[in-house]
């Protein structure tokens, strides 16, 4: 039997999380799962999102069933089970202790970059929508369990040096690096969530990690306040980056 590793990558939206999923999903030994708790979050929280009804209809929304699948073996007999998790899908009042059975990693990005990208896709945005608070909460749970910081990577670092950062990430997660992670075919992927047509049009045009942004981000007053509120949580995790 092939020894397997289940990697839970925790981030908020608009955080190169889909490109990271494509990177892992392009490995021949990996099964990638796109935002397992999206339908659960929409149904339970009651918030509006693009394609809300389609997402709920097409995906499992039972918490216990989702947790059981997250903790199960990689589908298809693969050696690596990569789970792209959105931190804000982990709603308060639901037990998060199951997370400690996984190999957890955290993908962070500067709040202003997250918000600028999010606002281009969906005008209604709050601090909760971008998941910084929940990311820090989950990070602290994992730190307390391990007695040390888990793997943290910064989106800017990934874009500047994909090979170097991915090699360090793979080592921290207990798997070998694979060159397939550096490039992928253009277009939709078999493991994309049903929401992909609304959110993934840019990454569908990619064949690898883009160059980092160099332009100055300008946010309106409302978004700037959210960025300011998110910054301490970003800084908390960034200090531990690989």
C-alpha atoms as a PDB file:
ATOM      1  CA  UNK A   1       0.000   0.000   0.000  1.00  0.00           C
ATOM      2  CA  UNK A   2       1.338   3.439  -0.959  1.00  0.00           C
ATOM      3  CA  UNK A   3       1.912   5.654   2.118  1.00  0.00           C
ATOM      4  CA  UNK A   4      -0.177   8.772   1.634  1.00  0.00           C
ATOM      5  CA  UNK A   5      -0.086  12.380   2.790  1.00  0.00           C
ATOM      6  CA  UNK A   6      -3.137  14.618   3.056  1.00  0.00           C
ATOM      7  CA  UNK A   7      -2.246  18.297   2.746  1.00  0.00           C
ATOM      8  CA  UNK A   8      -4.776  20.891   3.852  1.00  0.00           C
ATOM      9  CA  UNK A   9      -3.789  24.259   2.394  1.00  0.00           C
ATOM     10  CA  UNK A  10      -5.524  27.058   4.276  1.00  0.00           C
ATOM     11  CA  UNK A  11      -6.008  30.451   2.689  1.00  0.00           C
ATOM     12  CA  UNK A  12      -8.596  33.071   1.946  1.00  0.00           C
ATOM     13  CA  UNK A  13      -9.912  33.801  -1.540  1.00  0.00           C
ATOM     14  CA  UNK A  14      -7.960  35.611  -4.278  1.00  0.00           C
ATOM     15  CA  UNK A  15      -4.710  34.359  -2.847  1.00  0.00           C
ATOM     16  CA  UNK A  16      -3.195  32.387  -5.779  1.00  0.00           C
ATOM     17  CA  UNK A  17      -4.899  29.437  -4.078  1.00  0.00           C
ATOM     18  CA  UNK A  18      -6.240  28.114  -7.378  1.00  0.00           C
ATOM     19  CA  UNK A  19      -2.828  28.322  -9.041  1.00  0.00           C
ATOM     20  CA  UNK A  20      -1.419  26.441  -6.055  1.00  0.00           C
ATOM     21  CA  UNK A  21      -4.122  23.787  -6.464  1.00  0.00           C
ATOM     22  CA  UNK A  22      -3.265  23.511 -10.172  1.00  0.00           C
ATOM     23  CA  UNK A  23       0.383  23.102  -9.215  1.00  0.00           C
ATOM     24  CA  UNK A  24      -0.350  20.154  -6.936  1.00  0.00           C
ATOM     25  CA  UNK A  25      -3.107  18.796  -9.155  1.00  0.00           C
ATOM     26  CA  UNK A  26      -0.638  18.502 -12.033  1.00  0.00           C
ATOM     27  CA  UNK A  27       1.427  15.985 -10.064  1.00  0.00           C
ATOM     28  CA  UNK A  28       0.733  12.454 -11.335  1.00  0.00           C
ATOM     29  CA  UNK A  29       0.608  11.199  -7.728  1.00  0.00           C
ATOM     30  CA  UNK A  30      -1.884  13.796  -6.435  1.00  0.00           C
ATOM     31  CA  UNK A  31      -5.664  14.081  -6.148  1.00  0.00           C
ATOM     32  CA  UNK A  32      -6.796  17.704  -5.685  1.00  0.00           C
ATOM     33  CA  UNK A  33     -10.078  18.753  -4.054  1.00  0.00           C
ATOM     34  CA  UNK A  34     -11.378  22.280  -4.619  1.00  0.00           C
ATOM     35  CA  UNK A  35     -12.912  24.063  -1.582  1.00  0.00           C
ATOM     36  CA  UNK A  36     -14.680  21.126   0.091  1.00  0.00           C
ATOM     37  CA  UNK A  37     -16.813  23.271   2.423  1.00  0.00           C
ATOM     38  CA  UNK A  38     -18.028  25.923  -0.049  1.00  0.00           C
ATOM     39  CA  UNK A  39     -21.584  24.573  -0.363  1.00  0.00           C
ATOM     40  CA  UNK A  40     -21.745  23.926   3.397  1.00  0.00           C
ATOM     41  CA  UNK A  41     -20.729  27.518   4.107  1.00  0.00           C
ATOM     42  CA  UNK A  42     -23.243  29.023   1.688  1.00  0.00           C
ATOM     43  CA  UNK A  43     -26.094  26.883   2.962  1.00  0.00           C
ATOM     44  CA  UNK A  44     -25.284  27.229   6.669  1.00  0.00           C
ATOM     45  CA  UNK A  45     -24.253  30.875   6.751  1.00  0.00           C
ATOM     46  CA  UNK A  46     -26.943  31.905   4.294  1.00  0.00           C
ATOM     47  CA  UNK A  47     -24.728  34.419   2.518  1.00  0.00           C
ATOM     48  CA  UNK A  48     -25.110  35.309  -1.139  1.00  0.00           C
ATOM     49  CA  UNK A  49     -22.411  34.465  -3.679  1.00  0.00           C
ATOM     50  CA  UNK A  50     -22.195  34.137  -7.440  1.00  0.00           C
ATOM     51  CA  UNK A  51     -23.723  30.801  -8.543  1.00  0.00           C
ATOM     52  CA  UNK A  52     -24.967  30.118  -5.005  1.00  0.00           C
ATOM     53  CA  UNK A  53     -27.787  27.766  -5.983  1.00  0.00           C
ATOM     54  CA  UNK A  54     -25.612  25.832  -8.447  1.00  0.00           C
ATOM     55  CA  UNK A  55     -22.861  25.373  -5.855  1.00  0.00           C
ATOM     56  CA  UNK A  56     -25.246  24.080  -3.202  1.00  0.00           C
ATOM     57  CA  UNK A  57     -26.955  21.740  -5.663  1.00  0.00           C
ATOM     58  CA  UNK A  58     -23.720  20.270  -7.013  1.00  0.00           C
ATOM     59  CA  UNK A  59     -21.766  19.710  -3.783  1.00  0.00           C
ATOM     60  CA  UNK A  60     -22.002  17.911  -0.466  1.00  0.00           C
ATOM     61  CA  UNK A  61     -23.082  20.271   2.323  1.00  0.00           C
ATOM     62  CA  UNK A  62     -23.181  17.943   5.331  1.00  0.00           C
ATOM     63  CA  UNK A  63     -20.380  18.843   7.747  1.00  0.00           C
ATOM     64  CA  UNK A  64     -19.824  15.346   9.122  1.00  0.00           C
ATOM     65  CA  UNK A  65     -19.701  13.754   5.676  1.00  0.00           C
ATOM     66  CA  UNK A  66     -17.246  16.390   4.466  1.00  0.00           C
ATOM     67  CA  UNK A  67     -14.985  15.893   7.491  1.00  0.00           C
ATOM     68  CA  UNK A  68     -15.036  12.122   6.961  1.00  0.00           C
ATOM     69  CA  UNK A  69     -13.976  12.545   3.348  1.00  0.00           C
ATOM     70  CA  UNK A  70     -11.233  15.012   4.305  1.00  0.00           C
ATOM     71  CA  UNK A  71      -9.851  12.437   6.726  1.00  0.00           C
ATOM     72  CA  UNK A  72     -10.199   9.547   4.318  1.00  0.00           C
ATOM     73  CA  UNK A  73      -7.567   8.146   1.956  1.00  0.00           C
ATOM     74  CA  UNK A  74      -6.711   9.967  -1.272  1.00  0.00           C
ATOM     75  CA  UNK A  75      -9.201   9.013  -3.997  1.00  0.00           C
ATOM     76  CA  UNK A  76      -7.905   6.939  -6.865  1.00  0.00           C
ATOM     77  CA  UNK A  77      -5.133   5.381  -4.815  1.00  0.00           C
ATOM     78  CA  UNK A  78      -2.988   8.496  -5.112  1.00  0.00           C
ATOM     79  CA  UNK A  79      -0.132   9.183  -2.702  1.00  0.00           C
ATOM     80  CA  UNK A  80      -0.995  12.860  -2.116  1.00  0.00           C
ATOM     81  CA  UNK A  81      -4.440  14.257  -1.260  1.00  0.00           C
ATOM     82  CA  UNK A  82      -4.349  18.030  -1.722  1.00  0.00           C
ATOM     83  CA  UNK A  83      -7.259  19.941  -0.210  1.00  0.00           C
ATOM     84  CA  UNK A  84      -7.698  23.610  -1.106  1.00  0.00           C
ATOM     85  CA  UNK A  85      -9.520  25.015   1.918  1.00  0.00           C
ATOM     86  CA  UNK A  86     -10.990  28.491   2.342  1.00  0.00           C
ATOM     87  CA  UNK A  87     -10.559  29.511   5.962  1.00  0.00           C
ATOM     88  CA  UNK A  88     -13.831  31.468   6.121  1.00  0.00           C
ATOM     89  CA  UNK A  89     -15.722  28.253   5.312  1.00  0.00           C
ATOM     90  CA  UNK A  90     -14.818  27.002   8.811  1.00  0.00           C
ATOM     91  CA  UNK A  91     -17.820  28.518  10.544  1.00  0.00           C
ATOM     92  CA  UNK A  92     -17.884  29.130  14.272  1.00  0.00           C
ATOM     93  CA  UNK A  93     -19.733  26.530  16.307  1.00  0.00           C
ATOM     94  CA  UNK A  94     -18.387  23.586  14.306  1.00  0.00           C
ATOM     95  CA  UNK A  95     -15.623  21.441  15.770  1.00  0.00           C
ATOM     96  CA  UNK A  96     -12.282  22.111  14.063  1.00  0.00           C
ATOM     97  CA  UNK A  97     -10.241  19.519  15.946  1.00  0.00           C
ATOM     98  CA  UNK A  98     -10.324  17.090  12.980  1.00  0.00           C
ATOM     99  CA  UNK A  99      -7.956  19.475  11.209  1.00  0.00           C
ATOM    100  CA  UNK A 100      -5.160  18.289  13.484  1.00  0.00           C
ATOM    101  CA  UNK A 101      -5.160  14.887  11.772  1.00  0.00           C
ATOM    102  CA  UNK A 102      -4.015  16.482   8.512  1.00  0.00           C
ATOM    103  CA  UNK A 103      -0.727  17.936   7.300  1.00  0.00           C
ATOM    104  CA  UNK A 104      -1.602  21.613   7.445  1.00  0.00           C
ATOM    105  CA  UNK A 105      -0.035  24.445   5.477  1.00  0.00           C
ATOM    106  CA  UNK A 106      -0.956  28.106   5.205  1.00  0.00           C
ATOM    107  CA  UNK A 107      -0.898  30.380   2.167  1.00  0.00           C
ATOM    108  CA  UNK A 108      -0.865  34.098   2.975  1.00  0.00           C
ATOM    109  CA  UNK A 109      -1.044  37.195   0.797  1.00  0.00           C
ATOM    110  CA  UNK A 110      -0.906  40.919   1.448  1.00  0.00           C
ATOM    111  CA  UNK A 111      -4.449  42.104   2.290  1.00  0.00           C
ATOM    112  CA  UNK A 112      -4.459  44.915  -0.272  1.00  0.00           C
ATOM    113  CA  UNK A 113      -3.660  42.459  -3.070  1.00  0.00           C
ATOM    114  CA  UNK A 114      -6.419  40.114  -1.903  1.00  0.00           C
ATOM    115  CA  UNK A 115      -8.986  42.909  -1.711  1.00  0.00           C
ATOM    116  CA  UNK A 116      -8.093  44.455  -5.065  1.00  0.00           C
ATOM    117  CA  UNK A 117      -8.538  41.076  -6.731  1.00  0.00           C
ATOM    118  CA  UNK A 118     -11.739  40.213  -4.824  1.00  0.00           C
ATOM    119  CA  UNK A 119     -13.394  43.549  -5.585  1.00  0.00           C
ATOM    120  CA  UNK A 120     -12.944  42.989  -9.313  1.00  0.00           C
ATOM    121  CA  UNK A 121     -15.111  39.873  -9.042  1.00  0.00           C
ATOM    122  CA  UNK A 122     -17.656  40.695  -6.335  1.00  0.00           C
ATOM    123  CA  UNK A 123     -18.449  44.122  -4.928  1.00  0.00           C
ATOM    124  CA  UNK A 124     -19.804  43.006  -1.544  1.00  0.00           C
ATOM    125  CA  UNK A 125     -16.788  42.244   0.643  1.00  0.00           C
ATOM    126  CA  UNK A 126     -16.122  42.236   4.382  1.00  0.00           C
ATOM    127  CA  UNK A 127     -13.249  41.181   6.632  1.00  0.00           C
ATOM    128  CA  UNK A 128     -14.952  37.839   7.145  1.00  0.00           C
ATOM    129  CA  UNK A 129     -15.193  37.235   3.392  1.00  0.00           C
ATOM    130  CA  UNK A 130     -11.407  37.222   2.991  1.00  0.00           C
ATOM    131  CA  UNK A 131     -10.741  34.792   5.828  1.00  0.00           C
ATOM    132  CA  UNK A 132      -7.791  36.425   7.608  1.00  0.00           C
ATOM    133  CA  UNK A 133      -9.264  36.086  11.111  1.00  0.00           C
ATOM    134  CA  UNK A 134     -10.201  32.434  10.613  1.00  0.00           C
ATOM    135  CA  UNK A 135      -6.803  31.696   9.098  1.00  0.00           C
ATOM    136  CA  UNK A 136      -5.078  32.968  12.220  1.00  0.00           C
ATOM    137  CA  UNK A 137      -7.463  30.961  14.435  1.00  0.00           C
ATOM    138  CA  UNK A 138      -6.730  27.733  12.553  1.00  0.00           C
ATOM    139  CA  UNK A 139      -3.022  28.511  12.537  1.00  0.00           C
ATOM    140  CA  UNK A 140      -3.052  28.892  16.333  1.00  0.00           C
ATOM    141  CA  UNK A 141      -4.902  25.589  16.762  1.00  0.00           C
ATOM    142  CA  UNK A 142      -2.282  23.798  14.657  1.00  0.00           C
ATOM    143  CA  UNK A 143       0.610  25.568  16.416  1.00  0.00           C
ATOM    144  CA  UNK A 144      -0.703  24.558  19.828  1.00  0.00           C
ATOM    145  CA  UNK A 145      -1.013  20.962  18.681  1.00  0.00           C
ATOM    146  CA  UNK A 146       2.416  20.722  17.044  1.00  0.00           C
ATOM    147  CA  UNK A 147       4.316  22.857  19.535  1.00  0.00           C
ATOM    148  CA  UNK A 148       5.759  24.749  16.578  1.00  0.00           C
ATOM    149  CA  UNK A 149       4.630  26.677  13.514  1.00  0.00           C
ATOM    150  CA  UNK A 150       3.360  24.647  10.551  1.00  0.00           C
ATOM    151  CA  UNK A 151       4.392  25.470   6.988  1.00  0.00           C
ATOM    152  CA  UNK A 152       3.562  29.017   5.912  1.00  0.00           C
ATOM    153  CA  UNK A 153       4.178  30.372   2.418  1.00  0.00           C
ATOM    154  CA  UNK A 154       3.618  33.887   1.095  1.00  0.00           C
ATOM    155  CA  UNK A 155       2.013  34.317  -2.329  1.00  0.00           C
ATOM    156  CA  UNK A 156       4.582  36.948  -3.313  1.00  0.00           C
ATOM    157  CA  UNK A 157       7.420  34.534  -2.564  1.00  0.00           C
ATOM    158  CA  UNK A 158       5.770  31.791  -4.612  1.00  0.00           C
ATOM    159  CA  UNK A 159       5.443  34.113  -7.596  1.00  0.00           C
ATOM    160  CA  UNK A 160       9.045  35.292  -7.296  1.00  0.00           C
ATOM    161  CA  UNK A 161      10.587  31.837  -6.854  1.00  0.00           C
ATOM    162  CA  UNK A 162       8.094  29.030  -7.509  1.00  0.00           C
ATOM    163  CA  UNK A 163      10.646  26.235  -7.562  1.00  0.00           C
ATOM    164  CA  UNK A 164      12.410  27.299  -4.385  1.00  0.00           C
ATOM    165  CA  UNK A 165       9.270  27.874  -2.343  1.00  0.00           C
ATOM    166  CA  UNK A 166       7.551  24.714  -3.583  1.00  0.00           C
ATOM    167  CA  UNK A 167      10.623  22.641  -2.791  1.00  0.00           C
ATOM    168  CA  UNK A 168      10.627  23.980   0.772  1.00  0.00           C
ATOM    169  CA  UNK A 169       6.880  23.447   1.062  1.00  0.00           C
ATOM    170  CA  UNK A 170       7.080  19.859  -0.150  1.00  0.00           C
ATOM    171  CA  UNK A 171       9.887  19.132   2.281  1.00  0.00           C
ATOM    172  CA  UNK A 172       7.875  20.626   5.155  1.00  0.00           C
ATOM    173  CA  UNK A 173       4.873  18.488   4.163  1.00  0.00           C
ATOM    174  CA  UNK A 174       6.893  15.285   3.948  1.00  0.00           C
ATOM    175  CA  UNK A 175       6.682  14.736   0.195  1.00  0.00           C
ATOM    176  CA  UNK A 176       9.182  15.017  -2.628  1.00  0.00           C
ATOM    177  CA  UNK A 177       9.131  17.938  -5.021  1.00  0.00           C
ATOM    178  CA  UNK A 178       7.925  17.207  -8.561  1.00  0.00           C
ATOM    179  CA  UNK A 179       8.752  19.341 -11.613  1.00  0.00           C
ATOM    180  CA  UNK A 180       5.154  18.889 -12.787  1.00  0.00           C
ATOM    181  CA  UNK A 181       4.230  21.452 -10.126  1.00  0.00           C
ATOM    182  CA  UNK A 182       5.817  24.306 -12.077  1.00  0.00           C
ATOM    183  CA  UNK A 183       3.500  24.223 -15.111  1.00  0.00           C
ATOM    184  CA  UNK A 184       0.055  22.981 -16.072  1.00  0.00           C
ATOM    185  CA  UNK A 185      -2.155  22.918 -19.193  1.00  0.00           C
ATOM    186  CA  UNK A 186      -4.193  26.000 -20.039  1.00  0.00           C
ATOM    187  CA  UNK A 187      -7.945  25.824 -19.465  1.00  0.00           C
ATOM    188  CA  UNK A 188     -10.404  24.237 -17.009  1.00  0.00           C
ATOM    189  CA  UNK A 189      -9.353  21.287 -14.876  1.00  0.00           C
ATOM    190  CA  UNK A 190     -11.288  18.149 -14.007  1.00  0.00           C
ATOM    191  CA  UNK A 191     -11.074  19.017 -10.306  1.00  0.00           C
ATOM    192  CA  UNK A 192     -12.334  22.608 -10.611  1.00  0.00           C
ATOM    193  CA  UNK A 193     -15.356  23.445  -8.487  1.00  0.00           C
ATOM    194  CA  UNK A 194     -18.623  24.259 -10.255  1.00  0.00           C
ATOM    195  CA  UNK A 195     -17.972  27.921  -9.380  1.00  0.00           C
ATOM    196  CA  UNK A 196     -14.896  28.031 -11.611  1.00  0.00           C
ATOM    197  CA  UNK A 197     -16.534  29.886 -14.557  1.00  0.00           C
ATOM    198  CA  UNK A 198     -17.096  32.925 -12.325  1.00  0.00           C
ATOM    199  CA  UNK A 199     -13.801  32.976 -10.419  1.00  0.00           C
ATOM    200  CA  UNK A 200     -11.144  31.154 -12.474  1.00  0.00           C
ATOM    201  CA  UNK A 201     -11.163  32.816 -15.895  1.00  0.00           C
ATOM    202  CA  UNK A 202      -7.726  34.387 -15.353  1.00  0.00           C
ATOM    203  CA  UNK A 203      -6.033  31.277 -14.002  1.00  0.00           C
ATOM    204  CA  UNK A 204      -7.559  29.259 -16.867  1.00  0.00           C
ATOM    205  CA  UNK A 205      -5.363  31.346 -19.168  1.00  0.00           C
ATOM    206  CA  UNK A 206      -2.239  30.481 -17.193  1.00  0.00           C
ATOM    207  CA  UNK A 207       0.240  27.679 -17.722  1.00  0.00           C
ATOM    208  CA  UNK A 208       2.264  28.397 -14.589  1.00  0.00           C
ATOM    209  CA  UNK A 209       2.733  30.907 -11.795  1.00  0.00           C
ATOM    210  CA  UNK A 210       2.516  34.528 -12.924  1.00  0.00           C
ATOM    211  CA  UNK A 211       5.128  37.169 -12.220  1.00  0.00           C
ATOM    212  CA  UNK A 212       4.563  39.114  -8.977  1.00  0.00           C
ATOM    213  CA  UNK A 213       2.699  42.406  -9.126  1.00  0.00           C
ATOM    214  CA  UNK A 214       4.830  45.520  -9.169  1.00  0.00           C
ATOM    215  CA  UNK A 215       2.122  48.169  -9.551  1.00  0.00           C
ATOM    216  CA  UNK A 216       0.863  50.104  -6.543  1.00  0.00           C
ATOM    217  CA  UNK A 217      -2.504  48.960  -5.219  1.00  0.00           C
ATOM    218  CA  UNK A 218      -5.006  51.722  -4.573  1.00  0.00           C
ATOM    219  CA  UNK A 219      -8.098  50.871  -2.533  1.00  0.00           C
ATOM    220  CA  UNK A 220     -11.145  52.967  -1.778  1.00  0.00           C
ATOM    221  CA  UNK A 221     -11.747  53.981   1.841  1.00  0.00           C
ATOM    222  CA  UNK A 222     -13.998  51.033   2.664  1.00  0.00           C
ATOM    223  CA  UNK A 223     -11.552  48.457   1.285  1.00  0.00           C
ATOM    224  CA  UNK A 224      -8.591  50.237   2.884  1.00  0.00           C
ATOM    225  CA  UNK A 225     -10.256  49.883   6.305  1.00  0.00           C
ATOM    226  CA  UNK A 226     -10.705  46.158   5.727  1.00  0.00           C
ATOM    227  CA  UNK A 227      -7.063  45.865   4.672  1.00  0.00           C
ATOM    228  CA  UNK A 228      -5.965  47.653   7.841  1.00  0.00           C
ATOM    229  CA  UNK A 229      -8.068  45.292   9.956  1.00  0.00           C
ATOM    230  CA  UNK A 230      -6.629  42.250   8.164  1.00  0.00           C
ATOM    231  CA  UNK A 231      -2.988  43.326   8.358  1.00  0.00           C
ATOM    232  CA  UNK A 232      -2.214  42.135  11.946  1.00  0.00           C
ATOM    233  CA  UNK A 233      -3.441  38.629  11.075  1.00  0.00           C
ATOM    234  CA  UNK A 234      -1.321  38.580   7.925  1.00  0.00           C
ATOM    235  CA  UNK A 235       1.721  39.777   9.865  1.00  0.00           C
ATOM    236  CA  UNK A 236       1.166  37.136  12.540  1.00  0.00           C
ATOM    237  CA  UNK A 237       1.498  34.305  10.036  1.00  0.00           C
ATOM    238  CA  UNK A 238       4.005  35.928   7.691  1.00  0.00           C
ATOM    239  CA  UNK A 239       6.715  35.937  10.355  1.00  0.00           C
ATOM    240  CA  UNK A 240       6.779  32.125  10.137  1.00  0.00           C
ATOM    241  CA  UNK A 241       6.998  31.816   6.355  1.00  0.00           C
ATOM    242  CA  UNK A 242       9.366  29.260   4.860  1.00  0.00           C
END
